[in-house]
């Protein structure tokens, strides 16, 4: 799977039927959120392989202050590549109410970004989280049976279950992933690595193939 400007985040040859739509949000959409977007695409591709379920996944990112058309920051691009992602043809986009409302799951880089998303889409609370918050909640929420939910329904159901677990943790500064813009390459690498770690428990749920689960032998 790859995400390019003219396909809106769909895999090549993707159908236009039901999709799971994921949205990552940061400030300028040139460092943190594009890294999250492209790492998610890479993780989905590895997990689902040639399954047709891969064609039903759409991943986008946006910035609350983005300059549309900007390229990913070079240090972040290199950090992304090191982690197995691809920045080819990436172009920044500005966060809009339509993007926020159409996403099944919105993952932001900071609490401030989350508030900006909710300002545009107040009804999206149950599916809007900081990325770090969502990763932490994944260890607290009841995710049983979620891997058997159809891929195009799973993100919204995951959001509901993460939201149900919110009362079990306290939000705070640790929910924010700092902006590496203007920092040295090592800072971009550290931020990208943190994003990668936070994505993994979520990807493990979102991109488990229903087909492989149903085909697995039943233990004796």
C-alpha atoms as a PDB file:
ATOM      1  CA  UNK A   1       0.000   0.000   0.000  1.00  0.00           C
ATOM      2  CA  UNK A   2       1.106   3.537  -0.597  1.00  0.00           C
ATOM      3  CA  UNK A   3      -0.482   6.914   0.045  1.00  0.00           C
ATOM      4  CA  UNK A   4      -0.209   9.501  -2.722  1.00  0.00           C
ATOM      5  CA  UNK A   5      -1.916  12.825  -3.236  1.00  0.00           C
ATOM      6  CA  UNK A   6      -4.098  11.730  -6.154  1.00  0.00           C
ATOM      7  CA  UNK A   7      -5.454   8.595  -4.449  1.00  0.00           C
ATOM      8  CA  UNK A   8      -6.348  10.207  -1.136  1.00  0.00           C
ATOM      9  CA  UNK A   9      -4.549   7.563   0.872  1.00  0.00           C
ATOM     10  CA  UNK A  10      -6.030   4.523  -0.829  1.00  0.00           C
ATOM     11  CA  UNK A  11      -3.984   1.599  -1.980  1.00  0.00           C
ATOM     12  CA  UNK A  12      -3.479   1.209  -5.755  1.00  0.00           C
ATOM     13  CA  UNK A  13      -6.516  -0.338  -7.362  1.00  0.00           C
ATOM     14  CA  UNK A  14      -8.598   0.127  -4.232  1.00  0.00           C
ATOM     15  CA  UNK A  15     -12.345  -0.191  -4.492  1.00  0.00           C
ATOM     16  CA  UNK A  16     -14.564   2.745  -3.611  1.00  0.00           C
ATOM     17  CA  UNK A  17     -16.752   0.704  -1.284  1.00  0.00           C
ATOM     18  CA  UNK A  18     -16.676   0.837   2.512  1.00  0.00           C
ATOM     19  CA  UNK A  19     -13.352   1.959   3.932  1.00  0.00           C
ATOM     20  CA  UNK A  20     -11.733   2.406   7.279  1.00  0.00           C
ATOM     21  CA  UNK A  21     -10.569   6.001   7.372  1.00  0.00           C
ATOM     22  CA  UNK A  22      -7.749   6.990   9.719  1.00  0.00           C
ATOM     23  CA  UNK A  23      -6.612  10.586  10.213  1.00  0.00           C
ATOM     24  CA  UNK A  24      -3.455  11.839  11.955  1.00  0.00           C
ATOM     25  CA  UNK A  25      -3.182  15.489  12.951  1.00  0.00           C
ATOM     26  CA  UNK A  26      -0.295  17.755  13.965  1.00  0.00           C
ATOM     27  CA  UNK A  27       0.568  21.426  13.419  1.00  0.00           C
ATOM     28  CA  UNK A  28       2.207  21.822  10.017  1.00  0.00           C
ATOM     29  CA  UNK A  29       1.659  18.315   8.601  1.00  0.00           C
ATOM     30  CA  UNK A  30       5.327  18.044   7.645  1.00  0.00           C
ATOM     31  CA  UNK A  31       6.896  16.192  10.596  1.00  0.00           C
ATOM     32  CA  UNK A  32       4.849  14.158  13.053  1.00  0.00           C
ATOM     33  CA  UNK A  33       1.561  13.397  11.328  1.00  0.00           C
ATOM     34  CA  UNK A  34       3.071  12.392   7.948  1.00  0.00           C
ATOM     35  CA  UNK A  35       5.457  10.069   9.781  1.00  0.00           C
ATOM     36  CA  UNK A  36       2.458   8.514  11.537  1.00  0.00           C
ATOM     37  CA  UNK A  37       0.529   8.278   8.270  1.00  0.00           C
ATOM     38  CA  UNK A  38       3.277   6.562   6.313  1.00  0.00           C
ATOM     39  CA  UNK A  39       4.298   4.216   9.138  1.00  0.00           C
ATOM     40  CA  UNK A  40       0.652   3.176   9.455  1.00  0.00           C
ATOM     41  CA  UNK A  41       0.507   2.427   5.746  1.00  0.00           C
ATOM     42  CA  UNK A  42       3.667   0.344   6.026  1.00  0.00           C
ATOM     43  CA  UNK A  43       2.323  -1.569   9.016  1.00  0.00           C
ATOM     44  CA  UNK A  44      -0.985  -2.223   7.271  1.00  0.00           C
ATOM     45  CA  UNK A  45       0.805  -3.507   4.189  1.00  0.00           C
ATOM     46  CA  UNK A  46       2.984  -5.863   6.218  1.00  0.00           C
ATOM     47  CA  UNK A  47       0.056  -7.169   8.253  1.00  0.00           C
ATOM     48  CA  UNK A  48      -2.480  -7.666   5.476  1.00  0.00           C
ATOM     49  CA  UNK A  49      -0.191  -8.529   2.565  1.00  0.00           C
ATOM     50  CA  UNK A  50      -2.252  -9.354  -0.518  1.00  0.00           C
ATOM     51  CA  UNK A  51      -5.562  -9.531   1.354  1.00  0.00           C
ATOM     52  CA  UNK A  52      -8.369  -7.532  -0.309  1.00  0.00           C
ATOM     53  CA  UNK A  53      -8.941  -6.015   3.118  1.00  0.00           C
ATOM     54  CA  UNK A  54      -5.890  -3.831   2.465  1.00  0.00           C
ATOM     55  CA  UNK A  55      -7.792  -2.038  -0.277  1.00  0.00           C
ATOM     56  CA  UNK A  56     -10.413  -0.916   2.237  1.00  0.00           C
ATOM     57  CA  UNK A  57      -8.022   1.144   4.336  1.00  0.00           C
ATOM     58  CA  UNK A  58      -7.505   4.876   3.847  1.00  0.00           C
ATOM     59  CA  UNK A  59      -4.880   6.766   5.856  1.00  0.00           C
ATOM     60  CA  UNK A  60      -4.515  10.544   5.785  1.00  0.00           C
ATOM     61  CA  UNK A  61      -2.843  13.256   7.796  1.00  0.00           C
ATOM     62  CA  UNK A  62      -3.416  16.983   8.145  1.00  0.00           C
ATOM     63  CA  UNK A  63      -2.142  20.009  10.025  1.00  0.00           C
ATOM     64  CA  UNK A  64      -4.060  22.658  11.933  1.00  0.00           C
ATOM     65  CA  UNK A  65      -1.705  25.302  10.484  1.00  0.00           C
ATOM     66  CA  UNK A  66      -0.465  23.460   7.415  1.00  0.00           C
ATOM     67  CA  UNK A  67       0.617  25.120   4.198  1.00  0.00           C
ATOM     68  CA  UNK A  68      -1.032  22.863   1.611  1.00  0.00           C
ATOM     69  CA  UNK A  69       1.388  21.238  -0.785  1.00  0.00           C
ATOM     70  CA  UNK A  70       4.438  21.396   1.484  1.00  0.00           C
ATOM     71  CA  UNK A  71       6.808  18.433   1.468  1.00  0.00           C
ATOM     72  CA  UNK A  72       7.746  16.425   4.523  1.00  0.00           C
ATOM     73  CA  UNK A  73      10.643  17.896   6.532  1.00  0.00           C
ATOM     74  CA  UNK A  74      13.915  16.236   5.393  1.00  0.00           C
ATOM     75  CA  UNK A  75      15.002  15.026   8.852  1.00  0.00           C
ATOM     76  CA  UNK A  76      11.574  13.494   9.422  1.00  0.00           C
ATOM     77  CA  UNK A  77      11.687  11.922   5.972  1.00  0.00           C
ATOM     78  CA  UNK A  78      14.984  10.219   6.776  1.00  0.00           C
ATOM     79  CA  UNK A  79      13.716   9.056  10.171  1.00  0.00           C
ATOM     80  CA  UNK A  80      10.617   7.658   8.480  1.00  0.00           C
ATOM     81  CA  UNK A  81      12.709   5.796   5.928  1.00  0.00           C
ATOM     82  CA  UNK A  82      14.853   4.268   8.675  1.00  0.00           C
ATOM     83  CA  UNK A  83      11.692   2.852  10.275  1.00  0.00           C
ATOM     84  CA  UNK A  84      10.456   1.336   7.016  1.00  0.00           C
ATOM     85  CA  UNK A  85       8.135   4.077   5.776  1.00  0.00           C
ATOM     86  CA  UNK A  86       8.083   5.924   2.462  1.00  0.00           C
ATOM     87  CA  UNK A  87       7.625   9.688   2.066  1.00  0.00           C
ATOM     88  CA  UNK A  88       7.298   9.572  -1.736  1.00  0.00           C
ATOM     89  CA  UNK A  89       4.814  12.063  -3.191  1.00  0.00           C
ATOM     90  CA  UNK A  90       3.699  13.297   0.216  1.00  0.00           C
ATOM     91  CA  UNK A  91       2.089  16.744   0.253  1.00  0.00           C
ATOM     92  CA  UNK A  92       0.744  18.544   3.314  1.00  0.00           C
ATOM     93  CA  UNK A  93      -2.927  19.346   3.710  1.00  0.00           C
ATOM     94  CA  UNK A  94      -4.823  21.659   6.063  1.00  0.00           C
ATOM     95  CA  UNK A  95      -7.192  20.162   8.609  1.00  0.00           C
ATOM     96  CA  UNK A  96     -10.843  20.808   7.739  1.00  0.00           C
ATOM     97  CA  UNK A  97     -14.155  20.033   9.381  1.00  0.00           C
ATOM     98  CA  UNK A  98     -14.914  17.626   6.544  1.00  0.00           C
ATOM     99  CA  UNK A  99     -11.704  15.655   7.121  1.00  0.00           C
ATOM    100  CA  UNK A 100     -12.371  15.465  10.852  1.00  0.00           C
ATOM    101  CA  UNK A 101     -15.990  14.394  10.440  1.00  0.00           C
ATOM    102  CA  UNK A 102     -15.311  11.745   7.790  1.00  0.00           C
ATOM    103  CA  UNK A 103     -12.597   9.918   9.746  1.00  0.00           C
ATOM    104  CA  UNK A 104     -13.444   6.758  11.672  1.00  0.00           C
ATOM    105  CA  UNK A 105     -10.556   7.367  14.069  1.00  0.00           C
ATOM    106  CA  UNK A 106      -8.600  10.607  14.576  1.00  0.00           C
ATOM    107  CA  UNK A 107      -5.211  10.439  16.294  1.00  0.00           C
ATOM    108  CA  UNK A 108      -3.501  13.716  17.133  1.00  0.00           C
ATOM    109  CA  UNK A 109       0.021  14.478  18.252  1.00  0.00           C
ATOM    110  CA  UNK A 110      -0.952  16.694  21.217  1.00  0.00           C
ATOM    111  CA  UNK A 111      -3.905  17.536  23.411  1.00  0.00           C
ATOM    112  CA  UNK A 112      -4.045  20.938  21.718  1.00  0.00           C
ATOM    113  CA  UNK A 113      -4.454  19.298  18.332  1.00  0.00           C
ATOM    114  CA  UNK A 114      -7.211  17.113  19.758  1.00  0.00           C
ATOM    115  CA  UNK A 115      -9.047  20.210  20.937  1.00  0.00           C
ATOM    116  CA  UNK A 116      -8.641  21.771  17.485  1.00  0.00           C
ATOM    117  CA  UNK A 117     -10.190  18.680  15.900  1.00  0.00           C
ATOM    118  CA  UNK A 118     -13.092  18.732  18.341  1.00  0.00           C
ATOM    119  CA  UNK A 119     -13.574  22.420  17.670  1.00  0.00           C
ATOM    120  CA  UNK A 120     -14.268  21.516  14.056  1.00  0.00           C
ATOM    121  CA  UNK A 121     -16.198  18.352  14.865  1.00  0.00           C
ATOM    122  CA  UNK A 122     -17.608  18.474  18.418  1.00  0.00           C
ATOM    123  CA  UNK A 123     -19.497  15.218  17.927  1.00  0.00           C
ATOM    124  CA  UNK A 124     -16.267  13.310  17.286  1.00  0.00           C
ATOM    125  CA  UNK A 125     -15.135  12.976  20.909  1.00  0.00           C
ATOM    126  CA  UNK A 126     -15.523   9.189  21.063  1.00  0.00           C
ATOM    127  CA  UNK A 127     -13.218   8.688  18.105  1.00  0.00           C
ATOM    128  CA  UNK A 128     -10.642  11.444  18.711  1.00  0.00           C
ATOM    129  CA  UNK A 129      -7.558  10.799  20.842  1.00  0.00           C
ATOM    130  CA  UNK A 130      -3.956  11.797  21.069  1.00  0.00           C
ATOM    131  CA  UNK A 131      -1.825   9.020  19.622  1.00  0.00           C
ATOM    132  CA  UNK A 132      -0.042   8.448  22.940  1.00  0.00           C
ATOM    133  CA  UNK A 133      -3.372   8.364  24.777  1.00  0.00           C
ATOM    134  CA  UNK A 134      -4.825   5.809  22.363  1.00  0.00           C
ATOM    135  CA  UNK A 135      -1.768   3.571  22.644  1.00  0.00           C
ATOM    136  CA  UNK A 136      -2.009   3.628  26.433  1.00  0.00           C
ATOM    137  CA  UNK A 137      -5.761   3.020  26.407  1.00  0.00           C
ATOM    138  CA  UNK A 138      -5.247  -0.005  24.164  1.00  0.00           C
ATOM    139  CA  UNK A 139      -3.658  -1.711  27.166  1.00  0.00           C
ATOM    140  CA  UNK A 140      -6.612  -0.840  29.406  1.00  0.00           C
ATOM    141  CA  UNK A 141      -9.605  -1.318  27.115  1.00  0.00           C
ATOM    142  CA  UNK A 142     -11.549  -4.502  26.494  1.00  0.00           C
ATOM    143  CA  UNK A 143     -10.505  -5.373  22.952  1.00  0.00           C
ATOM    144  CA  UNK A 144     -11.795  -8.945  22.987  1.00  0.00           C
ATOM    145  CA  UNK A 145     -13.267 -10.098  19.689  1.00  0.00           C
ATOM    146  CA  UNK A 146     -12.316  -6.876  17.932  1.00  0.00           C
ATOM    147  CA  UNK A 147     -10.069  -8.727  15.497  1.00  0.00           C
ATOM    148  CA  UNK A 148     -13.142 -10.514  14.086  1.00  0.00           C
ATOM    149  CA  UNK A 149     -14.922  -7.241  13.353  1.00  0.00           C
ATOM    150  CA  UNK A 150     -14.887  -6.372   9.621  1.00  0.00           C
ATOM    151  CA  UNK A 151     -11.954  -4.099   8.809  1.00  0.00           C
ATOM    152  CA  UNK A 152     -14.174  -1.256   7.625  1.00  0.00           C
ATOM    153  CA  UNK A 153     -16.046  -1.228  10.973  1.00  0.00           C
ATOM    154  CA  UNK A 154     -13.104  -1.841  13.264  1.00  0.00           C
ATOM    155  CA  UNK A 155     -11.706   1.679  13.684  1.00  0.00           C
ATOM    156  CA  UNK A 156     -14.962   3.145  14.965  1.00  0.00           C
ATOM    157  CA  UNK A 157     -15.474   0.192  17.285  1.00  0.00           C
ATOM    158  CA  UNK A 158     -11.907   0.581  18.531  1.00  0.00           C
ATOM    159  CA  UNK A 159     -12.638   4.249  19.216  1.00  0.00           C
ATOM    160  CA  UNK A 160     -15.720   3.347  21.246  1.00  0.00           C
ATOM    161  CA  UNK A 161     -13.768   0.843  23.339  1.00  0.00           C
ATOM    162  CA  UNK A 162     -10.868   3.211  23.911  1.00  0.00           C
ATOM    163  CA  UNK A 163     -13.331   5.912  24.919  1.00  0.00           C
ATOM    164  CA  UNK A 164     -14.964   3.532  27.419  1.00  0.00           C
ATOM    165  CA  UNK A 165     -11.560   3.045  29.068  1.00  0.00           C
ATOM    166  CA  UNK A 166     -10.811   6.762  29.415  1.00  0.00           C
ATOM    167  CA  UNK A 167     -12.092   6.853  32.986  1.00  0.00           C
ATOM    168  CA  UNK A 168      -9.344   4.399  33.945  1.00  0.00           C
ATOM    169  CA  UNK A 169      -6.454   6.762  33.235  1.00  0.00           C
ATOM    170  CA  UNK A 170      -5.532  10.402  33.767  1.00  0.00           C
ATOM    171  CA  UNK A 171      -4.623  12.599  30.828  1.00  0.00           C
ATOM    172  CA  UNK A 172      -1.539  14.765  31.076  1.00  0.00           C
ATOM    173  CA  UNK A 173       1.586  16.141  29.409  1.00  0.00           C
ATOM    174  CA  UNK A 174       2.775  12.624  28.558  1.00  0.00           C
ATOM    175  CA  UNK A 175      -0.052  12.494  26.014  1.00  0.00           C
ATOM    176  CA  UNK A 176       1.776  15.069  23.870  1.00  0.00           C
ATOM    177  CA  UNK A 177       4.403  14.154  21.275  1.00  0.00           C
ATOM    178  CA  UNK A 178       6.697  17.173  20.970  1.00  0.00           C
ATOM    179  CA  UNK A 179       7.216  18.987  17.680  1.00  0.00           C
ATOM    180  CA  UNK A 180      10.730  18.300  16.307  1.00  0.00           C
ATOM    181  CA  UNK A 181      10.540  21.140  13.775  1.00  0.00           C
ATOM    182  CA  UNK A 182      13.789  23.105  13.745  1.00  0.00           C
ATOM    183  CA  UNK A 183      15.601  20.500  15.832  1.00  0.00           C
ATOM    184  CA  UNK A 184      18.560  18.325  14.874  1.00  0.00           C
ATOM    185  CA  UNK A 185      18.172  15.000  13.073  1.00  0.00           C
ATOM    186  CA  UNK A 186      18.474  12.979  16.284  1.00  0.00           C
ATOM    187  CA  UNK A 187      15.380  14.684  17.708  1.00  0.00           C
ATOM    188  CA  UNK A 188      13.371  13.841  14.599  1.00  0.00           C
ATOM    189  CA  UNK A 189      14.562  10.248  14.893  1.00  0.00           C
ATOM    190  CA  UNK A 190      13.500  10.069  18.552  1.00  0.00           C
ATOM    191  CA  UNK A 191      10.070  11.516  17.764  1.00  0.00           C
ATOM    192  CA  UNK A 192       9.567   9.140  14.847  1.00  0.00           C
ATOM    193  CA  UNK A 193      10.564   6.196  17.047  1.00  0.00           C
ATOM    194  CA  UNK A 194       8.032   7.251  19.685  1.00  0.00           C
ATOM    195  CA  UNK A 195       5.324   7.497  17.037  1.00  0.00           C
ATOM    196  CA  UNK A 196       6.253   4.059  15.749  1.00  0.00           C
ATOM    197  CA  UNK A 197       6.009   2.528  19.231  1.00  0.00           C
ATOM    198  CA  UNK A 198       2.645   4.160  19.859  1.00  0.00           C
ATOM    199  CA  UNK A 199       1.238   2.930  16.564  1.00  0.00           C
ATOM    200  CA  UNK A 200       2.112  -0.719  17.073  1.00  0.00           C
ATOM    201  CA  UNK A 201      -0.583  -1.757  19.591  1.00  0.00           C
ATOM    202  CA  UNK A 202      -3.201   0.043  17.514  1.00  0.00           C
ATOM    203  CA  UNK A 203      -2.033  -1.481  14.236  1.00  0.00           C
ATOM    204  CA  UNK A 204      -2.065  -4.921  15.824  1.00  0.00           C
ATOM    205  CA  UNK A 205      -5.813  -4.504  16.329  1.00  0.00           C
ATOM    206  CA  UNK A 206      -6.746  -2.533  13.235  1.00  0.00           C
ATOM    207  CA  UNK A 207      -4.874  -4.623  10.696  1.00  0.00           C
ATOM    208  CA  UNK A 208      -5.482  -8.188  11.832  1.00  0.00           C
ATOM    209  CA  UNK A 209      -6.974 -10.019   8.876  1.00  0.00           C
ATOM    210  CA  UNK A 210     -10.458 -11.396   9.476  1.00  0.00           C
ATOM    211  CA  UNK A 211      -9.799 -13.977   6.766  1.00  0.00           C
ATOM    212  CA  UNK A 212      -6.743 -15.393   8.520  1.00  0.00           C
ATOM    213  CA  UNK A 213      -8.548 -15.430  11.881  1.00  0.00           C
ATOM    214  CA  UNK A 214     -11.467 -17.378  10.443  1.00  0.00           C
ATOM    215  CA  UNK A 215      -9.133 -19.783   8.654  1.00  0.00           C
ATOM    216  CA  UNK A 216      -7.111 -20.561  11.789  1.00  0.00           C
ATOM    217  CA  UNK A 217      -7.561 -24.094  13.163  1.00  0.00           C
ATOM    218  CA  UNK A 218      -9.615 -24.465  16.304  1.00  0.00           C
ATOM    219  CA  UNK A 219      -7.480 -25.716  19.231  1.00  0.00           C
ATOM    220  CA  UNK A 220      -8.283 -29.278  20.280  1.00  0.00           C
END
